[in-house]
Amino acid sequence: MKKTCMSARMVSLMLVLALLAGFALPVRAGRAEQGSQAKALSFEQTASSAAPQRLLPEATEPESQAPDYANTDLVRVSIVLDRASTIGAGYATSGIAANASAMSYRDSLKQEQAGMTASIERATGNRLDVVWNLTLAANLISANIPYGQLSAIQALPGVREVILENRYDPAVYSVDEPDSPNMSTSCDMIGSAAAWACGYTGAGSRIAVIDTGIDTNHQSFSDEAFAYSLSKRAELTGQDPDAYVESLHLLDAEEITSLAGELNVPVQFQTEDLYINSKIPFGYNYIDRSLEVTHDKDSQGDHGSHVASIAAANAYIPQGDGSFSSALESVLMQGVAPDAQILTMKVFGARGGAYDSDYMAAMEDAIVLGCDSVNQSQRSL
């Protein structure tokens, strides 16, 4: 046994020596070559400042570019004021509409913006075309102005900056292929089935979809099927259906009425107009300033319905005889949170696409209305 061990050690030692010899040979060869063909190396020291000039191309004068806009061109801008927004001042978003201190601070921002609007009109000599007064998520005035007035507004005391807003348009195209959604399998990829099995169906949750609107007559958004699903949930938990629904604190017309003064919605629209039904309790068109939230009156596409169905398409589909069938079995389609409410905030309409502040106005309202989730498909937010 010892002999075998010693042999192994000898083999290891020989391998190590062979490796070392391989490293040593080139060095000896190099020294021999230096001895037979020794040549002196000369160096020229150059100032360090001169080296980059030899490596970099010659500097060229930048080409002058014409401005993107003429002074008379109307542009949408966000006039951001110095004071922090309501949320930026530290107020929590949860239940913010019921926070008297937060709403008082927000009112002070509104008064400040009114004063700033008057200052801008004096400085420019023109009436300011105000689109939005945002005070919750941002403290800014969105307005349409001649491009040439931008610098004058920027120079006013109390103005932090003036930003040109971006406009977004949906990529709409049509194909001659039938729609074939299969949420019954795709939901397994994100674990929805496991959540449903544990009783998590989104009941009592509010999801705002800021998009192209919604098909209010689609079978997947049926108010009756929504109510039926909640009754089934109550049955499974052994609760009285009415008591169960009351415990969910669903958004209703009464709550919208109490929040109307805090929404970015013109006061002429009544609560009964904004409230559609218990599945879609809120709907407003922020781009056209109207109550038209379907896809029928514009060519902006039905992406909003697509997104809303992925999020919260009902678990049941109404049948012609007054009964209901499982959505997963009958149409292979059920939202991730089928018992959640959908708040439709349309920002693409007859007037085209949305500017940055149109999105922000909808987001502020989603916060005021107590949404648990906000979906915005613009870019990759």
Protein backbone atom coordinates (compact mmCIF):
# COMPACT_ATOMS: atom_id res chain seq x y z
CA MET A 1 0.00 0.00 0.00
CA LYS A 2 2.87 2.36 0.85
CA LYS A 3 4.63 1.50 -2.40
CA THR A 4 1.60 2.44 -4.43
CA CYS A 5 1.29 5.72 -2.56
CA MET A 6 4.97 6.53 -3.13
CA SER A 7 4.61 5.78 -6.85
CA ALA A 8 1.67 8.13 -7.10
CA ARG A 9 3.67 10.83 -5.36
CA MET A 10 6.56 10.36 -7.76
CA VAL A 11 4.26 10.65 -10.77
CA SER A 12 2.77 13.84 -9.34
CA LEU A 13 6.21 15.29 -8.74
CA MET A 14 7.32 14.51 -12.29
CA LEU A 15 4.19 16.19 -13.70
CA VAL A 16 4.91 19.34 -11.67
CA LEU A 17 8.53 19.43 -12.85
CA ALA A 18 7.42 18.98 -16.45
CA LEU A 19 5.05 21.94 -16.13
CA LEU A 20 7.74 24.11 -14.58
CA ALA A 21 10.17 23.16 -17.31
CA GLY A 22 7.67 24.23 -19.91
CA PHE A 23 7.54 27.68 -18.37
CA ALA A 24 11.31 27.92 -18.03
CA LEU A 25 12.36 27.00 -21.59
CA PRO A 26 10.98 30.09 -23.33
CA VAL A 27 12.72 32.28 -20.79
CA ARG A 28 16.14 30.69 -21.45
CA ALA A 29 15.58 30.88 -25.15
CA GLY A 30 14.69 34.53 -24.80
CA ARG A 31 17.89 35.28 -22.87
CA ALA A 32 20.02 33.48 -25.44
CA GLU A 33 18.45 35.48 -28.21
CA GLN A 34 19.06 38.70 -26.32
CA GLY A 35 22.71 37.77 -25.95
CA SER A 36 23.29 37.12 -29.64
CA GLN A 37 21.17 39.86 -31.10
CA ALA A 38 21.17 42.53 -28.42
CA LYS A 39 19.89 45.83 -29.59
CA ALA A 40 19.44 49.05 -27.65
CA LEU A 41 15.92 50.36 -27.38
CA SER A 42 15.40 54.10 -27.55
CA PHE A 43 12.46 56.00 -26.04
CA GLU A 44 11.14 59.45 -26.77
CA GLN A 45 9.29 61.16 -23.95
CA THR A 46 6.31 63.13 -25.11
CA ALA A 47 4.12 65.50 -23.16
CA SER A 48 0.97 63.74 -22.04
CA SER A 49 -1.20 66.51 -23.48
CA ALA A 50 0.12 65.77 -26.96
CA ALA A 51 -0.81 62.08 -27.01
CA PRO A 52 -4.60 62.45 -27.29
CA GLN A 53 -4.19 64.86 -30.20
CA ARG A 54 -2.51 62.11 -32.22
CA LEU A 55 -5.26 59.58 -31.41
CA LEU A 56 -8.41 61.67 -31.74
CA PRO A 57 -9.77 62.94 -35.04
CA GLU A 58 -9.66 66.62 -35.71
CA ALA A 59 -12.41 68.52 -33.93
CA THR A 60 -15.18 69.78 -36.16
CA GLU A 61 -17.72 72.46 -35.50
CA PRO A 62 -21.18 71.00 -34.70
CA GLU A 63 -23.71 71.56 -37.40
CA SER A 64 -26.36 74.07 -36.43
CA GLN A 65 -29.81 72.52 -36.24
CA ALA A 66 -33.01 74.34 -36.90
CA PRO A 67 -35.45 74.40 -33.93
CA ASP A 68 -38.13 71.72 -33.94
CA TYR A 69 -40.88 74.32 -33.70
CA ALA A 70 -41.59 77.78 -34.98
CA ASN A 71 -42.42 80.40 -32.34
CA THR A 72 -46.07 80.39 -33.38
CA ASP A 73 -46.49 76.59 -33.23
CA LEU A 74 -48.84 75.41 -30.47
CA VAL A 75 -47.23 72.86 -28.17
CA ARG A 76 -48.45 71.02 -25.07
CA VAL A 77 -46.28 71.71 -22.06
CA SER A 78 -46.14 70.80 -18.39
CA ILE A 79 -45.44 73.91 -16.31
CA VAL A 80 -43.94 72.40 -13.17
CA LEU A 81 -44.11 74.61 -10.08
CA ASP A 82 -41.65 74.76 -7.18
CA ARG A 83 -43.74 73.32 -4.36
CA ALA A 84 -43.98 69.57 -3.93
CA SER A 85 -47.08 67.71 -5.06
CA THR A 86 -49.45 66.33 -2.43
CA ILE A 87 -47.85 62.90 -2.60
CA GLY A 88 -44.40 64.44 -2.92
CA ALA A 89 -45.05 66.32 0.34
CA GLY A 90 -45.24 62.96 2.11
CA TYR A 91 -48.93 62.13 2.18
CA ALA A 92 -49.68 58.42 1.73
CA THR A 93 -51.73 57.40 -1.29
CA SER A 94 -53.87 54.92 0.64
CA GLY A 95 -57.11 56.63 1.63
CA ILE A 96 -55.70 60.00 0.61
CA ALA A 97 -59.12 61.40 -0.35
CA ALA A 98 -60.27 60.94 3.26
CA ASN A 99 -57.15 62.63 4.64
CA ALA A 100 -58.30 66.16 5.50
CA SER A 101 -54.74 67.45 5.86
CA ALA A 102 -53.74 66.07 2.45
CA MET A 103 -56.79 67.56 0.74
CA SER A 104 -56.15 70.92 2.43
CA TYR A 105 -52.59 70.90 1.10
CA ARG A 106 -53.92 69.95 -2.33
CA ASP A 107 -56.36 72.88 -2.25
CA SER A 108 -53.47 75.24 -1.47
CA LEU A 109 -51.69 73.98 -4.59
CA LYS A 110 -54.81 74.65 -6.66
CA GLN A 111 -54.91 78.23 -5.38
CA GLU A 112 -51.21 78.65 -6.13
CA GLN A 113 -51.75 77.39 -9.66
CA ALA A 114 -54.59 79.87 -10.18
CA GLY A 115 -52.21 82.66 -9.19
CA MET A 116 -49.50 81.31 -11.48
CA THR A 117 -51.94 81.15 -14.37
CA ALA A 118 -52.69 84.85 -13.85
CA SER A 119 -48.95 85.64 -13.76
CA ILE A 120 -48.36 83.76 -17.01
CA GLU A 121 -51.21 85.59 -18.72
CA ARG A 122 -49.78 88.96 -17.64
CA ALA A 123 -46.29 87.98 -18.82
CA THR A 124 -47.42 86.72 -22.22
CA GLY A 125 -50.37 89.02 -22.81
CA ASN A 126 -52.50 86.01 -23.77
CA ARG A 127 -55.03 83.80 -22.06
CA LEU A 128 -53.44 80.52 -20.97
CA ASP A 129 -55.13 77.50 -22.55
CA VAL A 130 -55.10 75.22 -19.50
CA VAL A 131 -55.77 71.52 -20.09
CA TRP A 132 -55.13 70.08 -16.61
CA ASN A 133 -54.32 71.32 -13.15
CA LEU A 134 -52.53 68.39 -11.51
CA THR A 135 -51.84 68.61 -7.79
CA LEU A 136 -51.85 65.06 -6.41
CA ALA A 137 -49.06 63.15 -8.15
CA ALA A 138 -47.48 66.31 -9.56
CA ASN A 139 -47.72 70.05 -9.07
CA LEU A 140 -48.06 71.22 -12.64
CA ILE A 141 -50.22 73.10 -15.09
CA SER A 142 -50.65 71.37 -18.43
CA ALA A 143 -51.37 73.89 -21.17
CA ASN A 144 -51.22 74.56 -24.89
CA ILE A 145 -48.93 77.52 -25.61
CA PRO A 146 -47.14 79.07 -28.61
CA TYR A 147 -43.62 77.64 -28.58
CA GLY A 148 -42.13 81.13 -28.49
CA GLN A 149 -43.61 81.76 -25.01
CA LEU A 150 -41.81 78.84 -23.39
CA SER A 151 -38.75 80.79 -22.26
CA ALA A 152 -40.81 83.64 -20.81
CA ILE A 153 -42.87 81.21 -18.74
CA GLN A 154 -39.76 79.35 -17.62
CA ALA A 155 -38.29 82.60 -16.28
CA LEU A 156 -41.22 83.37 -13.97
CA PRO A 157 -40.63 83.07 -10.20
CA GLY A 158 -42.20 79.89 -8.83
CA VAL A 159 -41.74 77.91 -12.05
CA ARG A 160 -39.30 75.04 -11.67
CA GLU A 161 -39.28 74.02 -15.34
CA VAL A 162 -41.37 73.88 -18.48
CA ILE A 163 -41.38 70.49 -20.21
CA LEU A 164 -42.58 69.67 -23.70
CA GLU A 165 -45.03 66.80 -23.34
CA ASN A 166 -44.89 63.65 -25.44
CA ARG A 167 -47.90 62.41 -27.35
CA TYR A 168 -48.61 58.70 -27.74
CA ASP A 169 -50.72 56.94 -30.36
CA PRO A 170 -51.63 53.25 -30.29
CA ALA A 171 -50.25 50.96 -32.97
CA VAL A 172 -53.55 49.82 -34.48
CA TYR A 173 -53.74 47.19 -37.19
CA SER A 174 -56.23 44.54 -38.24
CA VAL A 175 -55.72 40.91 -39.23
CA ASP A 176 -58.03 38.41 -40.88
CA GLU A 177 -57.52 35.84 -38.15
CA PRO A 178 -60.04 34.87 -35.48
CA ASP A 179 -59.32 35.75 -31.88
CA SER A 180 -58.51 32.63 -29.91
CA PRO A 181 -57.67 33.54 -26.32
CA ASN A 182 -56.78 30.64 -24.05
CA MET A 183 -56.44 32.00 -20.56
CA SER A 184 -57.27 28.56 -19.19
CA THR A 185 -53.68 27.54 -19.95
CA SER A 186 -51.82 30.85 -19.89
CA CYS A 187 -52.95 31.59 -16.32
CA ASP A 188 -51.12 28.48 -15.17
CA MET A 189 -47.88 30.14 -16.24
CA ILE A 190 -48.24 32.80 -13.54
CA GLY A 191 -49.88 30.66 -10.88
CA SER A 192 -53.42 32.03 -11.15
CA ALA A 193 -54.97 28.61 -10.71
CA ALA A 194 -53.21 28.18 -7.36
CA ALA A 195 -54.44 31.59 -6.23
CA TRP A 196 -58.02 30.79 -7.25
CA ALA A 197 -57.82 27.47 -5.39
CA CYS A 198 -56.87 29.40 -2.25
CA GLY A 199 -59.87 31.68 -2.66
CA TYR A 200 -58.07 34.71 -4.10
CA THR A 201 -60.23 35.91 -6.98
CA GLY A 202 -59.82 39.68 -6.67
CA ALA A 203 -63.13 40.19 -4.90
CA GLY A 204 -63.16 43.67 -3.39
CA SER A 205 -60.26 44.89 -5.53
CA ARG A 206 -60.36 47.85 -7.91
CA ILE A 207 -58.32 47.81 -11.12
CA ALA A 208 -57.96 50.95 -13.21
CA VAL A 209 -57.26 50.39 -16.90
CA ILE A 210 -55.87 53.51 -18.59
CA ASP A 211 -56.18 52.64 -22.25
CA THR A 212 -58.49 52.85 -25.29
CA GLY A 213 -61.71 52.18 -23.38
CA ILE A 214 -63.85 49.07 -22.96
CA ASP A 215 -66.65 47.12 -24.63
CA THR A 216 -69.29 47.64 -21.95
CA ASN A 217 -71.63 45.10 -23.60
CA HIS A 218 -69.12 42.25 -23.79
CA GLN A 219 -70.22 39.02 -22.13
CA SER A 220 -67.02 38.87 -20.09
CA PHE A 221 -67.95 42.13 -18.34
CA SER A 222 -71.59 41.23 -17.61
CA ASP A 223 -72.87 42.91 -14.45
CA GLU A 224 -75.24 40.00 -13.79
CA ALA A 225 -72.48 37.41 -14.15
CA PHE A 226 -70.31 39.46 -11.79
CA ALA A 227 -73.06 39.47 -9.15
CA TYR A 228 -73.60 35.73 -9.64
CA SER A 229 -69.90 35.04 -9.07
CA LEU A 230 -69.91 37.02 -5.82
CA SER A 231 -72.96 35.08 -4.63
CA LYS A 232 -71.10 31.84 -5.34
CA ARG A 233 -68.13 33.13 -3.34
CA ALA A 234 -70.44 33.90 -0.42
CA GLU A 235 -71.90 30.40 -0.66
CA LEU A 236 -68.45 28.80 -0.58
CA THR A 237 -67.50 30.77 2.53
CA GLY A 238 -70.81 30.16 4.25
CA GLN A 239 -71.81 33.82 4.39
CA ASP A 240 -75.00 35.65 3.64
CA PRO A 241 -74.69 36.99 0.04
CA ASP A 242 -75.72 40.55 0.95
CA ALA A 243 -73.43 40.65 3.97
CA TYR A 244 -70.55 39.29 1.91
CA VAL A 245 -70.97 41.89 -0.82
CA GLU A 246 -71.20 44.66 1.77
CA SER A 247 -67.94 43.46 3.34
CA LEU A 248 -66.15 43.93 0.01
CA HIS A 249 -66.73 47.71 -0.01
CA LEU A 250 -67.33 47.78 -3.75
CA LEU A 251 -67.03 51.14 -5.47
CA ASP A 252 -70.53 52.47 -6.01
CA ALA A 253 -72.30 55.64 -7.15
CA GLU A 254 -72.54 56.96 -3.59
CA GLU A 255 -68.79 56.82 -3.06
CA ILE A 256 -68.10 58.46 -6.43
CA THR A 257 -70.46 61.27 -5.44
CA SER A 258 -68.51 61.85 -2.25
CA LEU A 259 -65.25 62.09 -4.23
CA ALA A 260 -66.51 64.12 -7.18
CA GLY A 261 -64.83 67.35 -6.05
CA GLU A 262 -61.42 65.65 -5.96
CA LEU A 263 -61.54 64.09 -9.43
CA ASN A 264 -60.07 65.52 -12.63
CA VAL A 265 -63.54 65.31 -14.17
CA PRO A 266 -65.60 68.41 -15.05
CA VAL A 267 -68.33 69.11 -12.54
CA GLN A 268 -71.05 69.01 -15.20
CA PHE A 269 -70.81 65.22 -15.36
CA GLN A 270 -73.08 63.68 -12.78
CA THR A 271 -72.26 60.62 -10.72
CA GLU A 272 -74.94 58.52 -12.37
CA ASP A 273 -73.23 59.19 -15.69
CA LEU A 274 -69.76 58.17 -14.48
CA TYR A 275 -71.12 55.03 -12.82
CA ILE A 276 -71.81 52.26 -15.36
CA ASN A 277 -72.54 49.18 -13.26
CA SER A 278 -71.06 47.17 -10.39
CA LYS A 279 -68.50 45.43 -12.63
CA ILE A 280 -67.45 48.68 -14.33
CA PRO A 281 -68.26 51.27 -11.65
CA PHE A 282 -66.40 54.17 -13.27
CA GLY A 283 -65.88 55.28 -16.83
CA TYR A 284 -64.59 58.56 -18.24
CA ASN A 285 -62.98 59.69 -21.49
CA TYR A 286 -60.07 61.97 -20.55
CA ILE A 287 -59.01 62.75 -24.11
CA ASP A 288 -62.41 63.83 -25.45
CA ARG A 289 -63.78 65.08 -22.09
CA SER A 290 -66.86 62.92 -22.50
CA LEU A 291 -68.60 59.83 -21.15
CA GLU A 292 -67.96 57.80 -24.31
CA VAL A 293 -65.70 55.00 -23.07
CA THR A 294 -66.40 52.33 -25.70
CA HIS A 295 -64.52 51.72 -28.95
CA ASP A 296 -67.51 52.62 -31.14
CA LYS A 297 -66.82 56.31 -31.82
CA ASP A 298 -63.12 56.25 -32.74
CA SER A 299 -60.45 54.21 -34.51
CA GLN A 300 -58.06 53.82 -31.58
CA GLY A 301 -58.54 50.05 -31.33
CA ASP A 302 -59.94 47.73 -28.68
CA HIS A 303 -56.73 47.19 -26.73
CA GLY A 304 -58.43 48.49 -23.59
CA SER A 305 -60.95 45.63 -23.64
CA HIS A 306 -58.13 43.18 -24.29
CA VAL A 307 -56.21 44.37 -21.23
CA ALA A 308 -59.30 44.59 -19.03
CA SER A 309 -60.26 41.01 -19.88
CA ILE A 310 -56.80 39.68 -19.04
CA ALA A 311 -56.98 41.47 -15.71
CA ALA A 312 -60.56 40.84 -14.64
CA ALA A 313 -62.82 39.08 -17.16
CA ASN A 314 -65.67 37.43 -15.25
CA ALA A 315 -65.54 33.84 -14.03
CA TYR A 316 -69.02 33.18 -15.44
CA ILE A 317 -70.71 33.82 -18.77
CA PRO A 318 -74.46 34.57 -18.99
CA GLN A 319 -76.57 32.10 -20.96
CA GLY A 320 -79.68 32.92 -22.92
CA ASP A 321 -81.95 31.20 -20.38
CA GLY A 322 -80.84 33.31 -17.43
CA SER A 323 -78.29 30.79 -16.15
CA PHE A 324 -74.51 31.12 -16.06
CA SER A 325 -71.69 28.86 -17.23
CA SER A 326 -68.05 28.66 -16.22
CA ALA A 327 -66.03 31.01 -18.40
CA LEU A 328 -63.01 28.72 -18.41
CA GLU A 329 -65.14 25.84 -19.69
CA SER A 330 -67.38 27.68 -22.14
CA VAL A 331 -65.10 30.31 -23.69
CA LEU A 332 -61.66 29.31 -22.31
CA MET A 333 -61.29 32.84 -20.97
CA GLN A 334 -61.17 34.18 -17.42
CA GLY A 335 -59.29 37.14 -16.01
CA VAL A 336 -56.51 36.78 -13.48
CA ALA A 337 -58.72 38.54 -10.90
CA PRO A 338 -62.23 37.71 -12.20
CA ASP A 339 -64.09 39.15 -9.22
CA ALA A 340 -62.32 42.53 -9.29
CA GLN A 341 -64.00 45.74 -10.45
CA ILE A 342 -62.74 47.53 -13.57
CA LEU A 343 -62.42 51.32 -13.66
CA THR A 344 -62.22 52.43 -17.29
CA MET A 345 -60.11 55.51 -17.94
CA LYS A 346 -60.05 56.18 -21.67
CA VAL A 347 -57.11 58.27 -22.90
CA PHE A 348 -57.31 57.43 -26.63
CA GLY A 349 -60.38 58.69 -28.42
CA ALA A 350 -61.83 60.71 -31.26
CA ARG A 351 -59.20 63.41 -30.71
CA GLY A 352 -56.41 60.89 -31.09
CA GLY A 353 -53.67 59.90 -28.71
CA ALA A 354 -52.76 60.93 -25.20
CA TYR A 355 -50.21 63.40 -23.91
CA ASP A 356 -48.22 62.77 -20.74
CA SER A 357 -50.57 64.84 -18.60
CA ASP A 358 -53.64 62.97 -19.88
CA TYR A 359 -52.19 59.79 -18.41
CA MET A 360 -51.30 61.58 -15.20
CA ALA A 361 -54.81 63.02 -14.79
CA ALA A 362 -56.24 59.50 -15.01
CA MET A 363 -53.64 58.16 -12.58
CA GLU A 364 -54.53 60.82 -10.04
CA ASP A 365 -58.19 59.83 -10.25
CA ALA A 366 -57.28 56.16 -9.86
CA ILE A 367 -55.54 57.06 -6.60
CA VAL A 368 -58.49 59.14 -5.37
CA LEU A 369 -60.91 56.30 -6.23
CA GLY A 370 -58.88 53.87 -4.16
CA CYS A 371 -57.63 51.59 -6.90
CA ASP A 372 -55.45 48.69 -5.83
CA SER A 373 -53.83 48.39 -9.25
CA VAL A 374 -53.39 50.65 -12.28
CA ASN A 375 -52.65 49.24 -15.72
CA GLN A 376 -51.02 51.48 -18.30
CA SER A 377 -49.71 49.78 -21.41
CA GLN A 378 -47.87 52.81 -22.78
CA ARG A 379 -44.23 51.87 -23.39
CA SER A 380 -42.82 49.66 -20.64
CA LEU A 381 -43.81 51.34 -17.41
